[in-house]
């Protein structure tokens, strides 16, 4: 047994963020899901379209998922850049 008085343990391992290689598998928990937003028709009479561009619309029949990834250190640091594709595989718990 090794006892040190007046000192704390190293926290280096908890603070490190290591980026996993491409194709790394991570487990996630689904916190919430909802259907995609409905597309709206033309704006009401006498009003202009306030949205710029049409690329921000959800695809028809899509689902929006909110995921919790406990091992977030495995995710790429630049994940929000939009340069990644994500593939999901669903398995039942206990399988």
PDB file of N, CA and C in Angstrom:
ATOM      1  N   UNK A   1       0.844  -1.169   0.000  1.00  0.00           N
ATOM      2  CA  UNK A   1       0.000   0.000   0.000  1.00  0.00           C
ATOM      3  C   UNK A   1       0.891   1.233   0.000  1.00  0.00           C
ATOM      4  N   UNK A   2       0.473   2.250  -0.757  1.00  0.00           N
ATOM      5  CA  UNK A   2       1.241   3.497  -0.840  1.00  0.00           C
ATOM      6  C   UNK A   2       0.352   4.632  -0.355  1.00  0.00           C
ATOM      7  N   UNK A   3       0.727   5.281   0.729  1.00  0.00           N
ATOM      8  CA  UNK A   3      -0.073   6.361   1.307  1.00  0.00           C
ATOM      9  C   UNK A   3       0.690   7.664   1.155  1.00  0.00           C
ATOM     10  N   UNK A   4       0.023   8.676   0.613  1.00  0.00           N
ATOM     11  CA  UNK A   4       0.604  10.000   0.478  1.00  0.00           C
ATOM     12  C   UNK A   4      -0.283  10.956   1.257  1.00  0.00           C
ATOM     13  N   UNK A   5       0.310  11.705   2.169  1.00  0.00           N
ATOM     14  CA  UNK A   5      -0.450  12.650   2.981  1.00  0.00           C
ATOM     15  C   UNK A   5      -0.232  14.051   2.428  1.00  0.00           C
ATOM     16  N   UNK A   6      -1.344  14.787   2.254  1.00  0.00           N
ATOM     17  CA  UNK A   6      -1.254  16.174   1.810  1.00  0.00           C
ATOM     18  C   UNK A   6      -1.136  16.338   0.310  1.00  0.00           C
ATOM     19  N   UNK A   7      -1.483  15.347  -0.444  1.00  0.00           N
ATOM     20  CA  UNK A   7      -1.411  15.433  -1.898  1.00  0.00           C
ATOM     21  C   UNK A   7      -2.647  14.790  -2.497  1.00  0.00           C
ATOM     22  N   UNK A   8      -3.011  15.221  -3.696  1.00  0.00           N
ATOM     23  CA  UNK A   8      -4.145  14.609  -4.395  1.00  0.00           C
ATOM     24  C   UNK A   8      -3.629  13.778  -5.550  1.00  0.00           C
ATOM     25  N   UNK A   9      -4.444  12.881  -6.001  1.00  0.00           N
ATOM     26  CA  UNK A   9      -4.073  12.042  -7.128  1.00  0.00           C
ATOM     27  C   UNK A   9      -4.047  12.818  -8.420  1.00  0.00           C
ATOM     28  N   UNK A  10      -3.433  12.251  -9.417  1.00  0.00           N
ATOM     29  CA  UNK A  10      -3.341  12.881 -10.728  1.00  0.00           C
ATOM     30  C   UNK A  10      -4.704  12.859 -11.417  1.00  0.00           C
ATOM     31  N   UNK A  11      -5.059  13.971 -12.040  1.00  0.00           N
ATOM     32  CA  UNK A  11      -6.322  14.049 -12.771  1.00  0.00           C
ATOM     33  C   UNK A  11      -6.083  14.107 -14.273  1.00  0.00           C
ATOM     34  N   UNK A  12      -4.864  13.798 -14.704  1.00  0.00           N
ATOM     35  CA  UNK A  12      -4.528  13.876 -16.129  1.00  0.00           C
ATOM     36  C   UNK A  12      -5.409  12.985 -16.983  1.00  0.00           C
ATOM     37  N   UNK A  13      -5.679  11.783 -16.544  1.00  0.00           N
ATOM     38  CA  UNK A  13      -6.446  10.844 -17.361  1.00  0.00           C
ATOM     39  C   UNK A  13      -7.869  11.327 -17.574  1.00  0.00           C
ATOM     40  N   UNK A  14      -8.463  11.967 -16.570  1.00  0.00           N
ATOM     41  CA  UNK A  14      -9.841  12.435 -16.703  1.00  0.00           C
ATOM     42  C   UNK A  14      -9.944  13.642 -17.618  1.00  0.00           C
ATOM     43  N   UNK A  15      -8.925  14.451 -17.691  1.00  0.00           N
ATOM     44  CA  UNK A  15      -8.979  15.681 -18.477  1.00  0.00           C
ATOM     45  C   UNK A  15      -8.533  15.529 -19.911  1.00  0.00           C
ATOM     46  N   UNK A  16      -7.927  14.411 -20.260  1.00  0.00           N
ATOM     47  CA  UNK A  16      -7.425  14.230 -21.620  1.00  0.00           C
ATOM     48  C   UNK A  16      -8.566  13.990 -22.589  1.00  0.00           C
ATOM     49  N   UNK A  17      -8.439  14.581 -23.746  1.00  0.00           N
ATOM     50  CA  UNK A  17      -9.415  14.348 -24.810  1.00  0.00           C
ATOM     51  C   UNK A  17      -8.663  13.691 -25.950  1.00  0.00           C
ATOM     52  N   UNK A  18      -8.915  12.421 -26.161  1.00  0.00           N
ATOM     53  CA  UNK A  18      -8.254  11.707 -27.237  1.00  0.00           C
ATOM     54  C   UNK A  18      -9.253  11.473 -28.351  1.00  0.00           C
ATOM     55  N   UNK A  19      -8.878  11.887 -29.516  1.00  0.00           N
ATOM     56  CA  UNK A  19      -9.767  11.723 -30.670  1.00  0.00           C
ATOM     57  C   UNK A  19      -9.597  10.323 -31.227  1.00  0.00           C
ATOM     58  N   UNK A  20     -10.706   9.614 -31.368  1.00  0.00           N
ATOM     59  CA  UNK A  20     -10.656   8.261 -31.893  1.00  0.00           C
ATOM     60  C   UNK A  20     -10.414   8.273 -33.388  1.00  0.00           C
ATOM     61  N   UNK A  21      -9.928   7.160 -33.920  1.00  0.00           N
ATOM     62  CA  UNK A  21      -9.711   7.086 -35.361  1.00  0.00           C
ATOM     63  C   UNK A  21     -11.037   7.096 -36.114  1.00  0.00           C
ATOM     64  N   UNK A  22     -10.963   7.417 -37.394  1.00  0.00           N
ATOM     65  CA  UNK A  22     -12.179   7.415 -38.218  1.00  0.00           C
ATOM     66  C   UNK A  22     -12.807   6.030 -38.175  1.00  0.00           C
ATOM     67  N   UNK A  23     -14.105   5.981 -38.070  1.00  0.00           N
ATOM     68  CA  UNK A  23     -14.797   4.707 -38.002  1.00  0.00           C
ATOM     69  C   UNK A  23     -14.935   4.175 -36.590  1.00  0.00           C
ATOM     70  N   UNK A  24     -14.592   4.977 -35.591  1.00  0.00           N
ATOM     71  CA  UNK A  24     -14.713   4.548 -34.202  1.00  0.00           C
ATOM     72  C   UNK A  24     -16.175   4.339 -33.852  1.00  0.00           C
ATOM     73  N   UNK A  25     -16.462   3.254 -33.155  1.00  0.00           N
ATOM     74  CA  UNK A  25     -17.815   2.961 -32.719  1.00  0.00           C
ATOM     75  C   UNK A  25     -18.024   3.522 -31.327  1.00  0.00           C
ATOM     76  N   UNK A  26     -19.080   4.281 -31.139  1.00  0.00           N
ATOM     77  CA  UNK A  26     -19.431   4.806 -29.824  1.00  0.00           C
ATOM     78  C   UNK A  26     -20.863   4.413 -29.516  1.00  0.00           C
ATOM     79  N   UNK A  27     -21.147   4.236 -28.240  1.00  0.00           N
ATOM     80  CA  UNK A  27     -22.501   3.893 -27.824  1.00  0.00           C
ATOM     81  C   UNK A  27     -23.211   5.166 -27.388  1.00  0.00           C
ATOM     82  N   UNK A  28     -24.480   5.262 -27.724  1.00  0.00           N
ATOM     83  CA  UNK A  28     -25.263   6.445 -27.389  1.00  0.00           C
ATOM     84  C   UNK A  28     -26.606   6.020 -26.810  1.00  0.00           C
ATOM     85  N   UNK A  29     -27.200   6.924 -26.063  1.00  0.00           N
ATOM     86  CA  UNK A  29     -28.534   6.700 -25.519  1.00  0.00           C
ATOM     87  C   UNK A  29     -29.459   7.752 -26.117  1.00  0.00           C
ATOM     88  N   UNK A  30     -30.627   7.334 -26.589  1.00  0.00           N
ATOM     89  CA  UNK A  30     -31.580   8.268 -27.178  1.00  0.00           C
ATOM     90  C   UNK A  30     -32.334   8.958 -26.051  1.00  0.00           C
ATOM     91  N   UNK A  31     -32.204  10.279 -25.981  1.00  0.00           N
ATOM     92  CA  UNK A  31     -32.886  11.059 -24.958  1.00  0.00           C
ATOM     93  C   UNK A  31     -34.259  11.519 -25.417  1.00  0.00           C
ATOM     94  N   UNK A  32     -34.359  11.846 -26.696  1.00  0.00           N
ATOM     95  CA  UNK A  32     -35.625  12.356 -27.211  1.00  0.00           C
ATOM     96  C   UNK A  32     -35.669  12.140 -28.715  1.00  0.00           C
ATOM     97  N   UNK A  33     -36.860  11.982 -29.259  1.00  0.00           N
ATOM     98  CA  UNK A  33     -37.030  11.909 -30.708  1.00  0.00           C
ATOM     99  C   UNK A  33     -38.308  12.641 -31.081  1.00  0.00           C
ATOM    100  N   UNK A  34     -38.308  13.183 -32.290  1.00  0.00           N
ATOM    101  CA  UNK A  34     -39.494  13.871 -32.793  1.00  0.00           C
ATOM    102  C   UNK A  34     -39.486  13.777 -34.301  1.00  0.00           C
ATOM    103  N   UNK A  35     -40.661  13.902 -34.908  1.00  0.00           N
ATOM    104  CA  UNK A  35     -40.693  13.922 -36.379  1.00  0.00           C
ATOM    105  C   UNK A  35     -40.075  15.222 -36.904  1.00  0.00           C
ATOM    106  N   UNK A  36     -39.676  15.209 -38.147  1.00  0.00           N
ATOM    107  CA  UNK A  36     -39.102  16.418 -38.739  1.00  0.00           C
ATOM    108  C   UNK A  36     -40.159  17.514 -38.831  1.00  0.00           C
ATOM    109  N   UNK A  37     -39.681  18.735 -38.923  1.00  0.00           N
ATOM    110  CA  UNK A  37     -40.605  19.868 -39.038  1.00  0.00           C
ATOM    111  C   UNK A  37     -41.338  19.795 -40.361  1.00  0.00           C
ATOM    112  N   UNK A  38     -42.607  20.170 -40.314  1.00  0.00           N
ATOM    113  CA  UNK A  38     -43.395  20.161 -41.553  1.00  0.00           C
ATOM    114  C   UNK A  38     -42.985  21.334 -42.427  1.00  0.00           C
ATOM    115  N   UNK A  39     -43.042  21.080 -43.702  1.00  0.00           N
ATOM    116  CA  UNK A  39     -42.752  22.164 -44.647  1.00  0.00           C
ATOM    117  C   UNK A  39     -43.963  23.080 -44.725  1.00  0.00           C
ATOM    118  N   UNK A  40     -43.706  24.313 -44.777  1.00  0.00           N
ATOM    119  CA  UNK A  40     -44.792  25.287 -44.878  1.00  0.00           C
ATOM    120  C   UNK A  40     -44.990  25.654 -46.341  1.00  0.00           C
ATOM    121  N   UNK A  41     -46.177  26.067 -46.633  1.00  0.00           N
ATOM    122  CA  UNK A  41     -46.488  26.502 -47.998  1.00  0.00           C
ATOM    123  C   UNK A  41     -45.995  27.917 -48.218  1.00  0.00           C
ATOM    124  N   UNK A  42     -46.684  28.625 -49.031  1.00  0.00           N
ATOM    125  CA  UNK A  42     -46.345  30.007 -49.319  1.00  0.00           C
ATOM    126  C   UNK A  42     -46.664  30.884 -48.109  1.00  0.00           C
ATOM    127  N   UNK A  43     -45.922  31.987 -47.921  1.00  0.00           N
ATOM    128  CA  UNK A  43     -46.230  32.889 -46.804  1.00  0.00           C
ATOM    129  C   UNK A  43     -47.608  33.517 -46.992  1.00  0.00           C
ATOM    130  N   UNK A  44     -48.235  33.928 -45.898  1.00  0.00           N
ATOM    131  CA  UNK A  44     -49.565  34.559 -45.994  1.00  0.00           C
ATOM    132  C   UNK A  44     -49.551  35.769 -46.925  1.00  0.00           C
ATOM    133  N   UNK A  45     -50.715  36.096 -47.425  1.00  0.00           N
ATOM    134  CA  UNK A  45     -50.887  37.218 -48.359  1.00  0.00           C
ATOM    135  C   UNK A  45     -50.316  38.503 -47.767  1.00  0.00           C
ATOM    136  N   UNK A  46     -49.473  39.182 -48.532  1.00  0.00           N
ATOM    137  CA  UNK A  46     -48.924  40.460 -48.108  1.00  0.00           C
ATOM    138  C   UNK A  46     -47.655  40.348 -47.269  1.00  0.00           C
ATOM    139  N   UNK A  47     -47.155  39.144 -47.019  1.00  0.00           N
ATOM    140  CA  UNK A  47     -45.924  38.980 -46.242  1.00  0.00           C
ATOM    141  C   UNK A  47     -44.835  38.373 -47.113  1.00  0.00           C
ATOM    142  N   UNK A  48     -43.611  38.748 -46.833  1.00  0.00           N
ATOM    143  CA  UNK A  48     -42.467  38.224 -47.583  1.00  0.00           C
ATOM    144  C   UNK A  48     -41.890  37.005 -46.872  1.00  0.00           C
ATOM    145  N   UNK A  49     -41.184  36.183 -47.626  1.00  0.00           N
ATOM    146  CA  UNK A  49     -40.486  35.033 -47.049  1.00  0.00           C
ATOM    147  C   UNK A  49     -39.317  35.551 -46.212  1.00  0.00           C
ATOM    148  N   UNK A  50     -39.265  35.163 -44.941  1.00  0.00           N
ATOM    149  CA  UNK A  50     -38.208  35.653 -44.058  1.00  0.00           C
ATOM    150  C   UNK A  50     -36.996  34.724 -44.034  1.00  0.00           C
ATOM    151  N   UNK A  51     -37.177  33.489 -44.402  1.00  0.00           N
ATOM    152  CA  UNK A  51     -36.063  32.549 -44.381  1.00  0.00           C
ATOM    153  C   UNK A  51     -35.187  32.762 -45.605  1.00  0.00           C
ATOM    154  N   UNK A  52     -33.892  32.614 -45.408  1.00  0.00           N
ATOM    155  CA  UNK A  52     -32.979  32.746 -46.548  1.00  0.00           C
ATOM    156  C   UNK A  52     -32.542  31.359 -46.987  1.00  0.00           C
ATOM    157  N   UNK A  53     -32.734  31.051 -48.230  1.00  0.00           N
ATOM    158  CA  UNK A  53     -32.346  29.745 -48.760  1.00  0.00           C
ATOM    159  C   UNK A  53     -33.295  28.653 -48.316  1.00  0.00           C
ATOM    160  N   UNK A  54     -33.242  27.521 -48.973  1.00  0.00           N
ATOM    161  CA  UNK A  54     -34.124  26.417 -48.631  1.00  0.00           C
ATOM    162  C   UNK A  54     -33.367  25.209 -48.108  1.00  0.00           C
ATOM    163  N   UNK A  55     -32.047  25.352 -47.867  1.00  0.00           N
ATOM    164  CA  UNK A  55     -31.255  24.196 -47.477  1.00  0.00           C
ATOM    165  C   UNK A  55     -31.440  23.820 -46.010  1.00  0.00           C
ATOM    166  N   UNK A  56     -32.042  24.686 -45.188  1.00  0.00           N
ATOM    167  CA  UNK A  56     -32.184  24.412 -43.775  1.00  0.00           C
ATOM    168  C   UNK A  56     -33.431  23.634 -43.416  1.00  0.00           C
ATOM    169  N   UNK A  57     -34.173  23.172 -44.405  1.00  0.00           N
ATOM    170  CA  UNK A  57     -35.415  22.461 -44.127  1.00  0.00           C
ATOM    171  C   UNK A  57     -35.130  20.993 -43.835  1.00  0.00           C
ATOM    172  N   UNK A  58     -35.921  20.423 -42.931  1.00  0.00           N
ATOM    173  CA  UNK A  58     -35.812  18.997 -42.629  1.00  0.00           C
ATOM    174  C   UNK A  58     -36.403  18.204 -43.783  1.00  0.00           C
ATOM    175  N   UNK A  59     -35.824  17.038 -44.093  1.00  0.00           N
ATOM    176  CA  UNK A  59     -36.403  16.217 -45.154  1.00  0.00           C
ATOM    177  C   UNK A  59     -37.743  15.646 -44.716  1.00  0.00           C
ATOM    178  N   UNK A  60     -38.647  15.525 -45.665  1.00  0.00           N
ATOM    179  CA  UNK A  60     -39.970  14.992 -45.368  1.00  0.00           C
ATOM    180  C   UNK A  60     -39.858  13.532 -44.939  1.00  0.00           C
ATOM    181  N   UNK A  61     -40.526  13.160 -43.867  1.00  0.00           N
ATOM    182  CA  UNK A  61     -40.481  11.791 -43.354  1.00  0.00           C
ATOM    183  C   UNK A  61     -39.275  11.513 -42.478  1.00  0.00           C
ATOM    184  N   UNK A  62     -38.447  12.518 -42.180  1.00  0.00           N
ATOM    185  CA  UNK A  62     -37.253  12.329 -41.351  1.00  0.00           C
ATOM    186  C   UNK A  62     -37.583  12.341 -39.871  1.00  0.00           C
ATOM    187  N   UNK A  63     -36.634  11.952 -39.058  1.00  0.00           N
ATOM    188  CA  UNK A  63     -36.756  11.983 -37.598  1.00  0.00           C
ATOM    189  C   UNK A  63     -35.575  12.758 -37.037  1.00  0.00           C
ATOM    190  N   UNK A  64     -35.817  13.506 -35.977  1.00  0.00           N
ATOM    191  CA  UNK A  64     -34.770  14.239 -35.273  1.00  0.00           C
ATOM    192  C   UNK A  64     -34.520  13.507 -33.968  1.00  0.00           C
ATOM    193  N   UNK A  65     -33.257  13.127 -33.713  1.00  0.00           N
ATOM    194  CA  UNK A  65     -32.893  12.403 -32.505  1.00  0.00           C
ATOM    195  C   UNK A  65     -31.942  13.243 -31.665  1.00  0.00           C
ATOM    196  N   UNK A  66     -32.155  13.237 -30.361  1.00  0.00           N
ATOM    197  CA  UNK A  66     -31.240  13.862 -29.418  1.00  0.00           C
ATOM    198  C   UNK A  66     -30.520  12.723 -28.706  1.00  0.00           C
ATOM    199  N   UNK A  67     -29.194  12.651 -28.874  1.00  0.00           N
ATOM    200  CA  UNK A  67     -28.406  11.538 -28.360  1.00  0.00           C
ATOM    201  C   UNK A  67     -27.505  11.981 -27.216  1.00  0.00           C
ATOM    202  N   UNK A  68     -27.296  11.095 -26.247  1.00  0.00           N
ATOM    203  CA  UNK A  68     -26.312  11.295 -25.195  1.00  0.00           C
ATOM    204  C   UNK A  68     -25.207  10.281 -25.430  1.00  0.00           C
ATOM    205  N   UNK A  69     -23.982  10.761 -25.594  1.00  0.00           N
ATOM    206  CA  UNK A  69     -22.840   9.889 -25.813  1.00  0.00           C
ATOM    207  C   UNK A  69     -21.943   9.995 -24.591  1.00  0.00           C
ATOM    208  N   UNK A  70     -21.986   8.993 -23.709  1.00  0.00           N
ATOM    209  CA  UNK A  70     -21.216   9.061 -22.472  1.00  0.00           C
ATOM    210  C   UNK A  70     -19.710   9.193 -22.708  1.00  0.00           C
ATOM    211  N   UNK A  71     -19.189   8.553 -23.740  1.00  0.00           N
ATOM    212  CA  UNK A  71     -17.761   8.618 -24.021  1.00  0.00           C
ATOM    213  C   UNK A  71     -17.487   9.691 -25.073  1.00  0.00           C
ATOM    214  N   UNK A  72     -17.809  10.928 -24.729  1.00  0.00           N
ATOM    215  CA  UNK A  72     -17.668  12.032 -25.663  1.00  0.00           C
ATOM    216  C   UNK A  72     -16.237  12.285 -26.093  1.00  0.00           C
ATOM    217  N   UNK A  73     -15.259  11.806 -25.313  1.00  0.00           N
ATOM    218  CA  UNK A  73     -13.856  11.998 -25.684  1.00  0.00           C
ATOM    219  C   UNK A  73     -13.486  11.224 -26.947  1.00  0.00           C
ATOM    220  N   UNK A  74     -14.326  10.279 -27.357  1.00  0.00           N
ATOM    221  CA  UNK A  74     -14.064   9.506 -28.578  1.00  0.00           C
ATOM    222  C   UNK A  74     -14.529  10.239 -29.836  1.00  0.00           C
ATOM    223  N   UNK A  75     -15.254  11.332 -29.675  1.00  0.00           N
ATOM    224  CA  UNK A  75     -15.776  12.067 -30.831  1.00  0.00           C
ATOM    225  C   UNK A  75     -14.716  13.017 -31.381  1.00  0.00           C
ATOM    226  N   UNK A  76     -14.718  13.266 -32.683  1.00  0.00           N
ATOM    227  CA  UNK A  76     -13.769  14.222 -33.260  1.00  0.00           C
ATOM    228  C   UNK A  76     -13.996  15.621 -32.699  1.00  0.00           C
ATOM    229  N   UNK A  77     -12.928  16.357 -32.523  1.00  0.00           N
ATOM    230  CA  UNK A  77     -13.020  17.711 -31.955  1.00  0.00           C
ATOM    231  C   UNK A  77     -13.787  18.652 -32.869  1.00  0.00           C
ATOM    232  N   UNK A  78     -13.688  18.444 -34.184  1.00  0.00           N
ATOM    233  CA  UNK A  78     -14.350  19.329 -35.146  1.00  0.00           C
ATOM    234  C   UNK A  78     -15.655  18.720 -35.663  1.00  0.00           C
ATOM    235  N   UNK A  79     -16.366  18.022 -34.793  1.00  0.00           N
ATOM    236  CA  UNK A  79     -17.589  17.323 -35.188  1.00  0.00           C
ATOM    237  C   UNK A  79     -18.652  18.273 -35.740  1.00  0.00           C
ATOM    238  N   UNK A  80     -18.758  19.464 -35.191  1.00  0.00           N
ATOM    239  CA  UNK A  80     -19.798  20.397 -35.628  1.00  0.00           C
ATOM    240  C   UNK A  80     -19.457  21.086 -36.952  1.00  0.00           C
ATOM    241  N   UNK A  81     -18.336  20.743 -37.559  1.00  0.00           N
ATOM    242  CA  UNK A  81     -17.961  21.368 -38.832  1.00  0.00           C
ATOM    243  C   UNK A  81     -18.841  20.907 -39.988  1.00  0.00           C
ATOM    244  N   UNK A  82     -19.540  19.767 -39.807  1.00  0.00           N
ATOM    245  CA  UNK A  82     -20.406  19.261 -40.863  1.00  0.00           C
ATOM    246  C   UNK A  82     -19.679  18.409 -41.880  1.00  0.00           C
ATOM    247  N   UNK A  83     -18.416  18.069 -41.627  1.00  0.00           N
ATOM    248  CA  UNK A  83     -17.650  17.284 -42.590  1.00  0.00           C
ATOM    249  C   UNK A  83     -17.648  15.792 -42.268  1.00  0.00           C
ATOM    250  N   UNK A  84     -18.556  15.349 -41.414  1.00  0.00           N
ATOM    251  CA  UNK A  84     -18.634  13.936 -41.051  1.00  0.00           C
ATOM    252  C   UNK A  84     -20.003  13.377 -41.401  1.00  0.00           C
ATOM    253  N   UNK A  85     -20.029  12.093 -41.734  1.00  0.00           N
ATOM    254  CA  UNK A  85     -21.276  11.359 -41.893  1.00  0.00           C
ATOM    255  C   UNK A  85     -21.395  10.437 -40.692  1.00  0.00           C
ATOM    256  N   UNK A  86     -22.616  10.198 -40.232  1.00  0.00           N
ATOM    257  CA  UNK A  86     -22.851   9.342 -39.079  1.00  0.00           C
ATOM    258  C   UNK A  86     -23.765   8.209 -39.507  1.00  0.00           C
ATOM    259  N   UNK A  87     -23.405   6.992 -39.144  1.00  0.00           N
ATOM    260  CA  UNK A  87     -24.213   5.822 -39.443  1.00  0.00           C
ATOM    261  C   UNK A  87     -24.694   5.245 -38.124  1.00  0.00           C
ATOM    262  N   UNK A  88     -25.961   4.908 -38.034  1.00  0.00           N
ATOM    263  CA  UNK A  88     -26.531   4.370 -36.806  1.00  0.00           C
ATOM    264  C   UNK A  88     -26.888   2.901 -36.992  1.00  0.00           C
ATOM    265  N   UNK A  89     -26.681   2.123 -35.950  1.00  0.00           N
ATOM    266  CA  UNK A  89     -27.103   0.729 -35.915  1.00  0.00           C
ATOM    267  C   UNK A  89     -27.814   0.544 -34.589  1.00  0.00           C
ATOM    268  N   UNK A  90     -29.050   0.057 -34.629  1.00  0.00           N
ATOM    269  CA  UNK A  90     -29.853  -0.093 -33.437  1.00  0.00           C
ATOM    270  C   UNK A  90     -29.836  -1.545 -32.975  1.00  0.00           C
ATOM    271  N   UNK A  91     -29.576  -1.766 -31.687  1.00  0.00           N
ATOM    272  CA  UNK A  91     -29.658  -3.101 -31.088  1.00  0.00           C
ATOM    273  C   UNK A  91     -30.419  -2.973 -29.784  1.00  0.00           C
ATOM    274  N   UNK A  92     -31.166  -4.001 -29.459  1.00  0.00           N
ATOM    275  CA  UNK A  92     -31.916  -4.000 -28.196  1.00  0.00           C
ATOM    276  C   UNK A  92     -30.953  -4.196 -27.037  1.00  0.00           C
ATOM    277  N   UNK A  93     -31.312  -3.621 -25.888  1.00  0.00           N
ATOM    278  CA  UNK A  93     -30.500  -3.799 -24.692  1.00  0.00           C
ATOM    279  C   UNK A  93     -30.489  -5.254 -24.285  1.00  0.00           C
ATOM    280  N   UNK A  94     -29.361  -5.715 -23.803  1.00  0.00           N
ATOM    281  CA  UNK A  94     -29.229  -7.090 -23.372  1.00  0.00           C
ATOM    282  C   UNK A  94     -28.960  -8.065 -24.504  1.00  0.00           C
ATOM    283  N   UNK A  95     -28.882  -7.558 -25.730  1.00  0.00           N
ATOM    284  CA  UNK A  95     -28.642  -8.452 -26.876  1.00  0.00           C
ATOM    285  C   UNK A  95     -27.167  -8.627 -27.093  1.00  0.00           C
TER     286      UNK A  95
END
